[in-house]
C-alpha atoms as a PDB file:
ATOM      1  CA  UNK A   1     -34.190 -10.085  19.898  1.00  0.00           C
ATOM      2  CA  UNK A   2     -31.659 -12.616  18.879  1.00  0.00           C
ATOM      3  CA  UNK A   3     -28.224 -13.529  21.692  1.00  0.00           C
ATOM      4  CA  UNK A   4     -30.045 -14.583  24.066  1.00  0.00           C
ATOM      5  CA  UNK A   5     -33.330 -15.161  25.890  1.00  0.00           C
ATOM      6  CA  UNK A   6     -36.126 -12.908  25.893  1.00  0.00           C
ATOM      7  CA  UNK A   7     -37.816 -11.113  29.582  1.00  0.00           C
ATOM      8  CA  UNK A   8     -40.927 -12.416  28.824  1.00  0.00           C
ATOM      9  CA  UNK A   9     -42.548  -9.464  31.208  1.00  0.00           C
ATOM     10  CA  UNK A  10     -45.827 -10.106  30.273  1.00  0.00           C
ATOM     11  CA  UNK A  11     -45.874 -13.386  32.774  1.00  0.00           C
ATOM     12  CA  UNK A  12     -46.291 -11.144  35.729  1.00  0.00           C
ATOM     13  CA  UNK A  13     -47.559  -7.457  34.211  1.00  0.00           C
ATOM     14  CA  UNK A  14     -50.315  -6.593  31.744  1.00  0.00           C
ATOM     15  CA  UNK A  15     -50.993 -10.705  30.369  1.00  0.00           C
ATOM     16  CA  UNK A  16     -50.583 -12.238  33.308  1.00  0.00           C
ATOM     17  CA  UNK A  17     -53.924 -14.445  32.747  1.00  0.00           C
ATOM     18  CA  UNK A  18     -53.883 -18.180  32.391  1.00  0.00           C
ATOM     19  CA  UNK A  19     -53.232 -19.037  29.325  1.00  0.00           C
ATOM     20  CA  UNK A  20     -50.022 -17.281  30.358  1.00  0.00           C
ATOM     21  CA  UNK A  21     -48.070 -18.139  33.582  1.00  0.00           C
ATOM     22  CA  UNK A  22     -46.266 -20.919  32.662  1.00  0.00           C
ATOM     23  CA  UNK A  23     -43.821 -18.798  30.895  1.00  0.00           C
ATOM     24  CA  UNK A  24     -40.838 -20.851  32.020  1.00  0.00           C
ATOM     25  CA  UNK A  25     -41.306 -24.364  29.677  1.00  0.00           C
ATOM     26  CA  UNK A  26     -39.365 -26.966  30.072  1.00  0.00           C
ATOM     27  CA  UNK A  27     -38.235 -30.824  28.534  1.00  0.00           C
ATOM     28  CA  UNK A  28     -40.004 -32.278  31.618  1.00  0.00           C
ATOM     29  CA  UNK A  29     -42.961 -30.003  32.258  1.00  0.00           C
ATOM     30  CA  UNK A  30     -45.287 -28.914  30.192  1.00  0.00           C
ATOM     31  CA  UNK A  31     -43.897 -26.320  27.597  1.00  0.00           C
ATOM     32  CA  UNK A  32     -44.398 -22.363  28.272  1.00  0.00           C
ATOM     33  CA  UNK A  33     -44.477 -19.136  26.356  1.00  0.00           C
ATOM     34  CA  UNK A  34     -40.848 -19.362  26.572  1.00  0.00           C
ATOM     35  CA  UNK A  35     -40.685 -22.227  24.035  1.00  0.00           C
ATOM     36  CA  UNK A  36     -42.971 -21.310  21.935  1.00  0.00           C
ATOM     37  CA  UNK A  37     -40.884 -18.376  20.892  1.00  0.00           C
ATOM     38  CA  UNK A  38     -38.070 -20.692  20.644  1.00  0.00           C
ATOM     39  CA  UNK A  39     -39.804 -22.835  18.390  1.00  0.00           C
ATOM     40  CA  UNK A  40     -40.434 -19.250  16.018  1.00  0.00           C
ATOM     41  CA  UNK A  41     -37.938 -18.936  13.590  1.00  0.00           C
ATOM     42  CA  UNK A  42     -37.572 -16.188  10.760  1.00  0.00           C
ATOM     43  CA  UNK A  43     -37.773 -17.077   7.364  1.00  0.00           C
ATOM     44  CA  UNK A  44     -33.922 -15.286   6.010  1.00  0.00           C
ATOM     45  CA  UNK A  45     -33.634 -12.587   4.060  1.00  0.00           C
ATOM     46  CA  UNK A  46     -36.207 -11.869   7.063  1.00  0.00           C
ATOM     47  CA  UNK A  47     -39.888 -12.465   5.123  1.00  0.00           C
ATOM     48  CA  UNK A  48     -41.432 -14.221   6.932  1.00  0.00           C
ATOM     49  CA  UNK A  49     -41.844 -16.807   9.428  1.00  0.00           C
ATOM     50  CA  UNK A  50     -42.359 -20.012  11.022  1.00  0.00           C
ATOM     51  CA  UNK A  51     -42.410 -22.618  14.010  1.00  0.00           C
ATOM     52  CA  UNK A  52     -41.040 -26.006  14.214  1.00  0.00           C
ATOM     53  CA  UNK A  53     -43.024 -28.773  15.385  1.00  0.00           C
ATOM     54  CA  UNK A  54     -43.544 -32.400  15.977  1.00  0.00           C
ATOM     55  CA  UNK A  55     -40.770 -34.286  15.708  1.00  0.00           C
ATOM     56  CA  UNK A  56     -38.191 -31.610  15.524  1.00  0.00           C
ATOM     57  CA  UNK A  57     -37.271 -32.042  12.190  1.00  0.00           C
ATOM     58  CA  UNK A  58     -39.995 -29.956  10.559  1.00  0.00           C
ATOM     59  CA  UNK A  59     -41.322 -26.953  10.362  1.00  0.00           C
ATOM     60  CA  UNK A  60     -44.847 -25.233   8.845  1.00  0.00           C
ATOM     61  CA  UNK A  61     -45.997 -21.377   7.770  1.00  0.00           C
ATOM     62  CA  UNK A  62     -47.279 -20.030   5.628  1.00  0.00           C
ATOM     63  CA  UNK A  63     -47.514 -21.515   2.058  1.00  0.00           C
ATOM     64  CA  UNK A  64     -47.792 -17.324   0.206  1.00  0.00           C
ATOM     65  CA  UNK A  65     -44.243 -16.798   1.892  1.00  0.00           C
ATOM     66  CA  UNK A  66     -43.284 -19.241  -0.963  1.00  0.00           C
ATOM     67  CA  UNK A  67     -42.060 -18.314  -4.447  1.00  0.00           C
ATOM     68  CA  UNK A  68     -43.083 -21.094  -6.965  1.00  0.00           C
ATOM     69  CA  UNK A  69     -39.132 -21.680  -8.033  1.00  0.00           C
ATOM     70  CA  UNK A  70     -38.826 -21.932  -4.425  1.00  0.00           C
ATOM     71  CA  UNK A  71     -37.401 -25.451  -2.983  1.00  0.00           C
ATOM     72  CA  UNK A  72     -35.270 -24.501  -0.308  1.00  0.00           C
ATOM     73  CA  UNK A  73     -35.175 -21.392   2.857  1.00  0.00           C
ATOM     74  CA  UNK A  74     -32.420 -20.469   5.364  1.00  0.00           C
ATOM     75  CA  UNK A  75     -34.070 -20.555   9.542  1.00  0.00           C
ATOM     76  CA  UNK A  76     -32.193 -18.660  11.962  1.00  0.00           C
ATOM     77  CA  UNK A  77     -33.149 -19.114  15.604  1.00  0.00           C
ATOM     78  CA  UNK A  78     -33.707 -17.297  18.661  1.00  0.00           C
ATOM     79  CA  UNK A  79     -30.405 -17.758  19.908  1.00  0.00           C
ATOM     80  CA  UNK A  80     -28.712 -16.141  16.452  1.00  0.00           C
ATOM     81  CA  UNK A  81     -27.994 -20.583  15.605  1.00  0.00           C
ATOM     82  CA  UNK A  82     -29.496 -20.956  11.583  1.00  0.00           C
ATOM     83  CA  UNK A  83     -30.687 -23.921   9.749  1.00  0.00           C
ATOM     84  CA  UNK A  84     -31.879 -24.322   5.995  1.00  0.00           C
ATOM     85  CA  UNK A  85     -34.764 -26.359   4.566  1.00  0.00           C
ATOM     86  CA  UNK A  86     -36.375 -27.632   1.584  1.00  0.00           C
ATOM     87  CA  UNK A  87     -40.541 -27.180   1.357  1.00  0.00           C
ATOM     88  CA  UNK A  88     -41.419 -30.222   0.869  1.00  0.00           C
ATOM     89  CA  UNK A  89     -45.480 -29.364   0.949  1.00  0.00           C
ATOM     90  CA  UNK A  90     -47.216 -26.038  -0.354  1.00  0.00           C
ATOM     91  CA  UNK A  91     -50.791 -26.295  -0.058  1.00  0.00           C
ATOM     92  CA  UNK A  92     -52.133 -22.191  -1.497  1.00  0.00           C
ATOM     93  CA  UNK A  93     -55.779 -22.664  -0.361  1.00  0.00           C
ATOM     94  CA  UNK A  94     -55.267 -23.414   2.792  1.00  0.00           C
ATOM     95  CA  UNK A  95     -52.302 -21.273   2.364  1.00  0.00           C
ATOM     96  CA  UNK A  96     -49.686 -24.134   4.945  1.00  0.00           C
ATOM     97  CA  UNK A  97     -46.601 -25.253   3.828  1.00  0.00           C
ATOM     98  CA  UNK A  98     -44.827 -27.625   5.750  1.00  0.00           C
ATOM     99  CA  UNK A  99     -40.323 -27.434   5.609  1.00  0.00           C
ATOM    100  CA  UNK A 100     -37.884 -30.311   6.410  1.00  0.00           C
ATOM    101  CA  UNK A 101     -35.520 -29.304   8.245  1.00  0.00           C
ATOM    102  CA  UNK A 102     -31.849 -30.514   7.404  1.00  0.00           C
ATOM    103  CA  UNK A 103     -31.091 -31.643  10.628  1.00  0.00           C
ATOM    104  CA  UNK A 104     -32.762 -31.784  13.977  1.00  0.00           C
ATOM    105  CA  UNK A 105     -34.057 -28.310  15.515  1.00  0.00           C
ATOM    106  CA  UNK A 106     -32.332 -27.738  18.884  1.00  0.00           C
ATOM    107  CA  UNK A 107     -35.415 -26.332  20.703  1.00  0.00           C
ATOM    108  CA  UNK A 108     -38.482 -27.709  22.089  1.00  0.00           C
ATOM    109  CA  UNK A 109     -40.747 -28.621  18.950  1.00  0.00           C
ATOM    110  CA  UNK A 110     -44.576 -26.833  19.755  1.00  0.00           C
ATOM    111  CA  UNK A 111     -47.419 -29.865  18.705  1.00  0.00           C
ATOM    112  CA  UNK A 112     -50.127 -28.771  16.106  1.00  0.00           C
ATOM    113  CA  UNK A 113     -53.732 -29.394  17.768  1.00  0.00           C
ATOM    114  CA  UNK A 114     -55.733 -31.595  16.140  1.00  0.00           C
ATOM    115  CA  UNK A 115     -59.214 -29.802  16.595  1.00  0.00           C
ATOM    116  CA  UNK A 116     -59.478 -25.920  15.871  1.00  0.00           C
ATOM    117  CA  UNK A 117     -59.939 -23.490  18.547  1.00  0.00           C
ATOM    118  CA  UNK A 118     -63.504 -22.294  20.003  1.00  0.00           C
ATOM    119  CA  UNK A 119     -64.607 -18.233  19.443  1.00  0.00           C
ATOM    120  CA  UNK A 120     -64.062 -16.553  22.241  1.00  0.00           C
ATOM    121  CA  UNK A 121     -60.525 -18.930  23.511  1.00  0.00           C
ATOM    122  CA  UNK A 122     -57.753 -16.761  24.256  1.00  0.00           C
ATOM    123  CA  UNK A 123     -54.846 -17.239  22.010  1.00  0.00           C
ATOM    124  CA  UNK A 124     -51.247 -16.563  22.446  1.00  0.00           C
ATOM    125  CA  UNK A 125     -49.079 -14.867  20.092  1.00  0.00           C
ATOM    126  CA  UNK A 126     -45.307 -15.029  20.076  1.00  0.00           C
ATOM    127  CA  UNK A 127     -44.369 -13.196  17.068  1.00  0.00           C
ATOM    128  CA  UNK A 128     -41.123 -12.688  14.830  1.00  0.00           C
ATOM    129  CA  UNK A 129     -37.796 -13.940  16.472  1.00  0.00           C
ATOM    130  CA  UNK A 130     -36.305 -10.529  15.130  1.00  0.00           C
ATOM    131  CA  UNK A 131     -38.270  -7.941  16.681  1.00  0.00           C
ATOM    132  CA  UNK A 132     -38.175  -7.261  19.945  1.00  0.00           C
ATOM    133  CA  UNK A 133     -41.604  -7.226  21.794  1.00  0.00           C
ATOM    134  CA  UNK A 134     -43.666  -9.035  24.210  1.00  0.00           C
ATOM    135  CA  UNK A 135     -46.335 -12.188  23.841  1.00  0.00           C
ATOM    136  CA  UNK A 136     -49.639 -10.957  22.830  1.00  0.00           C
ATOM    137  CA  UNK A 137     -53.197 -11.385  24.412  1.00  0.00           C
ATOM    138  CA  UNK A 138     -54.762 -12.522  21.250  1.00  0.00           C
ATOM    139  CA  UNK A 139     -59.112 -13.977  21.380  1.00  0.00           C
ATOM    140  CA  UNK A 140     -60.665 -15.532  19.006  1.00  0.00           C
ATOM    141  CA  UNK A 141     -63.068 -13.881  17.821  1.00  0.00           C
ATOM    142  CA  UNK A 142     -64.497 -15.818  14.951  1.00  0.00           C
ATOM    143  CA  UNK A 143     -64.424 -18.335  12.418  1.00  0.00           C
ATOM    144  CA  UNK A 144     -65.762 -17.883   9.007  1.00  0.00           C
ATOM    145  CA  UNK A 145     -64.561 -17.818   5.321  1.00  0.00           C
ATOM    146  CA  UNK A 146     -62.598 -15.265   4.203  1.00  0.00           C
ATOM    147  CA  UNK A 147     -61.622 -14.259   0.520  1.00  0.00           C
ATOM    148  CA  UNK A 148     -58.446 -14.842   0.690  1.00  0.00           C
ATOM    149  CA  UNK A 149     -58.087 -18.888   1.663  1.00  0.00           C
ATOM    150  CA  UNK A 150     -59.968 -20.174  -0.738  1.00  0.00           C
ATOM    151  CA  UNK A 151     -60.030 -23.765   0.580  1.00  0.00           C
ATOM    152  CA  UNK A 152     -60.516 -22.324   4.349  1.00  0.00           C
ATOM    153  CA  UNK A 153     -64.185 -22.359   5.488  1.00  0.00           C
ATOM    154  CA  UNK A 154     -63.880 -21.383   8.813  1.00  0.00           C
ATOM    155  CA  UNK A 155     -60.394 -19.053   9.045  1.00  0.00           C
ATOM    156  CA  UNK A 156     -59.525 -17.613  12.775  1.00  0.00           C
ATOM    157  CA  UNK A 157     -60.411 -13.891  13.103  1.00  0.00           C
ATOM    158  CA  UNK A 158     -58.254 -12.959  16.102  1.00  0.00           C
ATOM    159  CA  UNK A 159     -57.411  -9.258  17.748  1.00  0.00           C
ATOM    160  CA  UNK A 160     -53.924 -10.088  17.230  1.00  0.00           C
ATOM    161  CA  UNK A 161     -51.100  -6.373  16.512  1.00  0.00           C
ATOM    162  CA  UNK A 162     -49.538  -8.206  13.879  1.00  0.00           C
ATOM    163  CA  UNK A 163     -47.641  -6.545  11.453  1.00  0.00           C
ATOM    164  CA  UNK A 164     -46.396  -7.056   7.818  1.00  0.00           C
ATOM    165  CA  UNK A 165     -44.002 -10.404   7.740  1.00  0.00           C
ATOM    166  CA  UNK A 166     -45.129 -12.087  10.874  1.00  0.00           C
ATOM    167  CA  UNK A 167     -46.895 -14.247   7.932  1.00  0.00           C
ATOM    168  CA  UNK A 168     -46.420 -18.204   9.105  1.00  0.00           C
ATOM    169  CA  UNK A 169     -45.725 -17.153  12.172  1.00  0.00           C
ATOM    170  CA  UNK A 170     -47.554 -19.493  14.704  1.00  0.00           C
ATOM    171  CA  UNK A 171     -50.914 -18.485  17.218  1.00  0.00           C
ATOM    172  CA  UNK A 172     -50.734 -20.768  19.903  1.00  0.00           C
ATOM    173  CA  UNK A 173     -54.022 -22.537  22.157  1.00  0.00           C
ATOM    174  CA  UNK A 174     -53.508 -22.692  25.646  1.00  0.00           C
ATOM    175  CA  UNK A 175     -51.337 -25.757  26.177  1.00  0.00           C
ATOM    176  CA  UNK A 176     -49.163 -23.879  23.427  1.00  0.00           C
ATOM    177  CA  UNK A 177     -50.022 -26.204  20.345  1.00  0.00           C
ATOM    178  CA  UNK A 178     -49.970 -24.555  17.100  1.00  0.00           C
ATOM    179  CA  UNK A 179     -53.604 -23.647  16.519  1.00  0.00           C
ATOM    180  CA  UNK A 180     -52.679 -21.910  13.096  1.00  0.00           C
ATOM    181  CA  UNK A 181     -50.729 -19.157  11.564  1.00  0.00           C
ATOM    182  CA  UNK A 182     -50.592 -15.322  10.669  1.00  0.00           C
ATOM    183  CA  UNK A 183     -52.703 -14.888   7.097  1.00  0.00           C
ATOM    184  CA  UNK A 184     -53.082 -11.893   6.655  1.00  0.00           C
ATOM    185  CA  UNK A 185     -56.133  -9.600   6.449  1.00  0.00           C
ATOM    186  CA  UNK A 186     -56.492  -6.011   8.491  1.00  0.00           C
ATOM    187  CA  UNK A 187     -53.884  -5.044  11.328  1.00  0.00           C
ATOM    188  CA  UNK A 188     -52.347  -9.064   9.778  1.00  0.00           C
ATOM    189  CA  UNK A 189     -55.573 -10.161  12.187  1.00  0.00           C
ATOM    190  CA  UNK A 190     -56.739 -13.472   9.506  1.00  0.00           C
ATOM    191  CA  UNK A 191     -55.025 -16.635  11.171  1.00  0.00           C
ATOM    192  CA  UNK A 192     -55.530 -20.264   8.465  1.00  0.00           C
ATOM    193  CA  UNK A 193     -55.624 -22.968  11.026  1.00  0.00           C
ATOM    194  CA  UNK A 194     -53.721 -25.653  11.702  1.00  0.00           C
ATOM    195  CA  UNK A 195     -55.977 -28.932  12.832  1.00  0.00           C
ATOM    196  CA  UNK A 196     -54.463 -31.623  10.226  1.00  0.00           C
ATOM    197  CA  UNK A 197     -51.671 -31.169  10.153  1.00  0.00           C
ATOM    198  CA  UNK A 198     -50.231 -32.850  12.575  1.00  0.00           C
ATOM    199  CA  UNK A 199     -51.195 -35.785  10.319  1.00  0.00           C
ATOM    200  CA  UNK A 200     -49.829 -34.599   8.153  1.00  0.00           C
ATOM    201  CA  UNK A 201     -46.194 -33.890   8.908  1.00  0.00           C
ATOM    202  CA  UNK A 202     -46.679 -37.724  10.897  1.00  0.00           C
ATOM    203  CA  UNK A 203     -47.197 -39.239   6.875  1.00  0.00           C
ATOM    204  CA  UNK A 204     -44.413 -36.572   5.007  1.00  0.00           C
ATOM    205  CA  UNK A 205     -42.002 -37.827   7.990  1.00  0.00           C
ATOM    206  CA  UNK A 206     -42.815 -41.978   7.124  1.00  0.00           C
ATOM    207  CA  UNK A 207     -42.693 -41.084   3.241  1.00  0.00           C
ATOM    208  CA  UNK A 208     -46.420 -39.879   2.064  1.00  0.00           C
ATOM    209  CA  UNK A 209     -47.388 -37.621   0.622  1.00  0.00           C
ATOM    210  CA  UNK A 210     -45.692 -35.440  -1.418  1.00  0.00           C
ATOM    211  CA  UNK A 211     -45.608 -31.487  -2.458  1.00  0.00           C
ATOM    212  CA  UNK A 212     -48.884 -29.730  -3.390  1.00  0.00           C
ATOM    213  CA  UNK A 213     -49.041 -27.584  -6.030  1.00  0.00           C
ATOM    214  CA  UNK A 214     -49.201 -24.895  -6.484  1.00  0.00           C
ATOM    215  CA  UNK A 215     -51.225 -21.660  -8.165  1.00  0.00           C
ATOM    216  CA  UNK A 216     -50.517 -17.934  -8.136  1.00  0.00           C
ATOM    217  CA  UNK A 217     -49.459 -16.537  -4.293  1.00  0.00           C
ATOM    218  CA  UNK A 218     -50.731 -13.507  -3.342  1.00  0.00           C
ATOM    219  CA  UNK A 219     -48.242 -10.476  -1.644  1.00  0.00           C
ATOM    220  CA  UNK A 220     -46.446 -10.783   1.375  1.00  0.00           C
END
């Protein structure tokens, strides 16, 4: 939903769990679900999602959202603002891509978790910012192999209820750290883990690793 803040009724409603307790994030305190919504971007023209992370100058998305000849992308935010960026790292095996933004995003960026979440852990999925809806509780059922993620030994199998076009949207833990990006699968419930991507973004920000190479993208 654009043009203003979402009303996160789930905090006091059916999802009133500890992981959603801090809906109102602030720059001074710990991040909340509203910060997740604000940091989630829609890749225009509305084909996928992504999330602003770490230094606020980079965003993560799913590599299968990037066509082989794509170098640039436009993104829209919850409040309707738009910002462009350049793909600087695309890893098809892990289904992750890093975008360098043209300017620092005017949102609170999310940290990327250094490790994998634990099976049984409660996660949060806020979804695309151009679709109405409330955040979801998503249980991590297990870690395992997924045929469409050949470079990932521990894909995240969850109970989230995603839809086509949610690829690249973040799943976050109770500290609102990004632990996965929506990959797809049955009911869009599989995510690729993001462990290690915070350090990669730091390397890229310092002029380190460059564009990873490409294998044919799968269907979005």
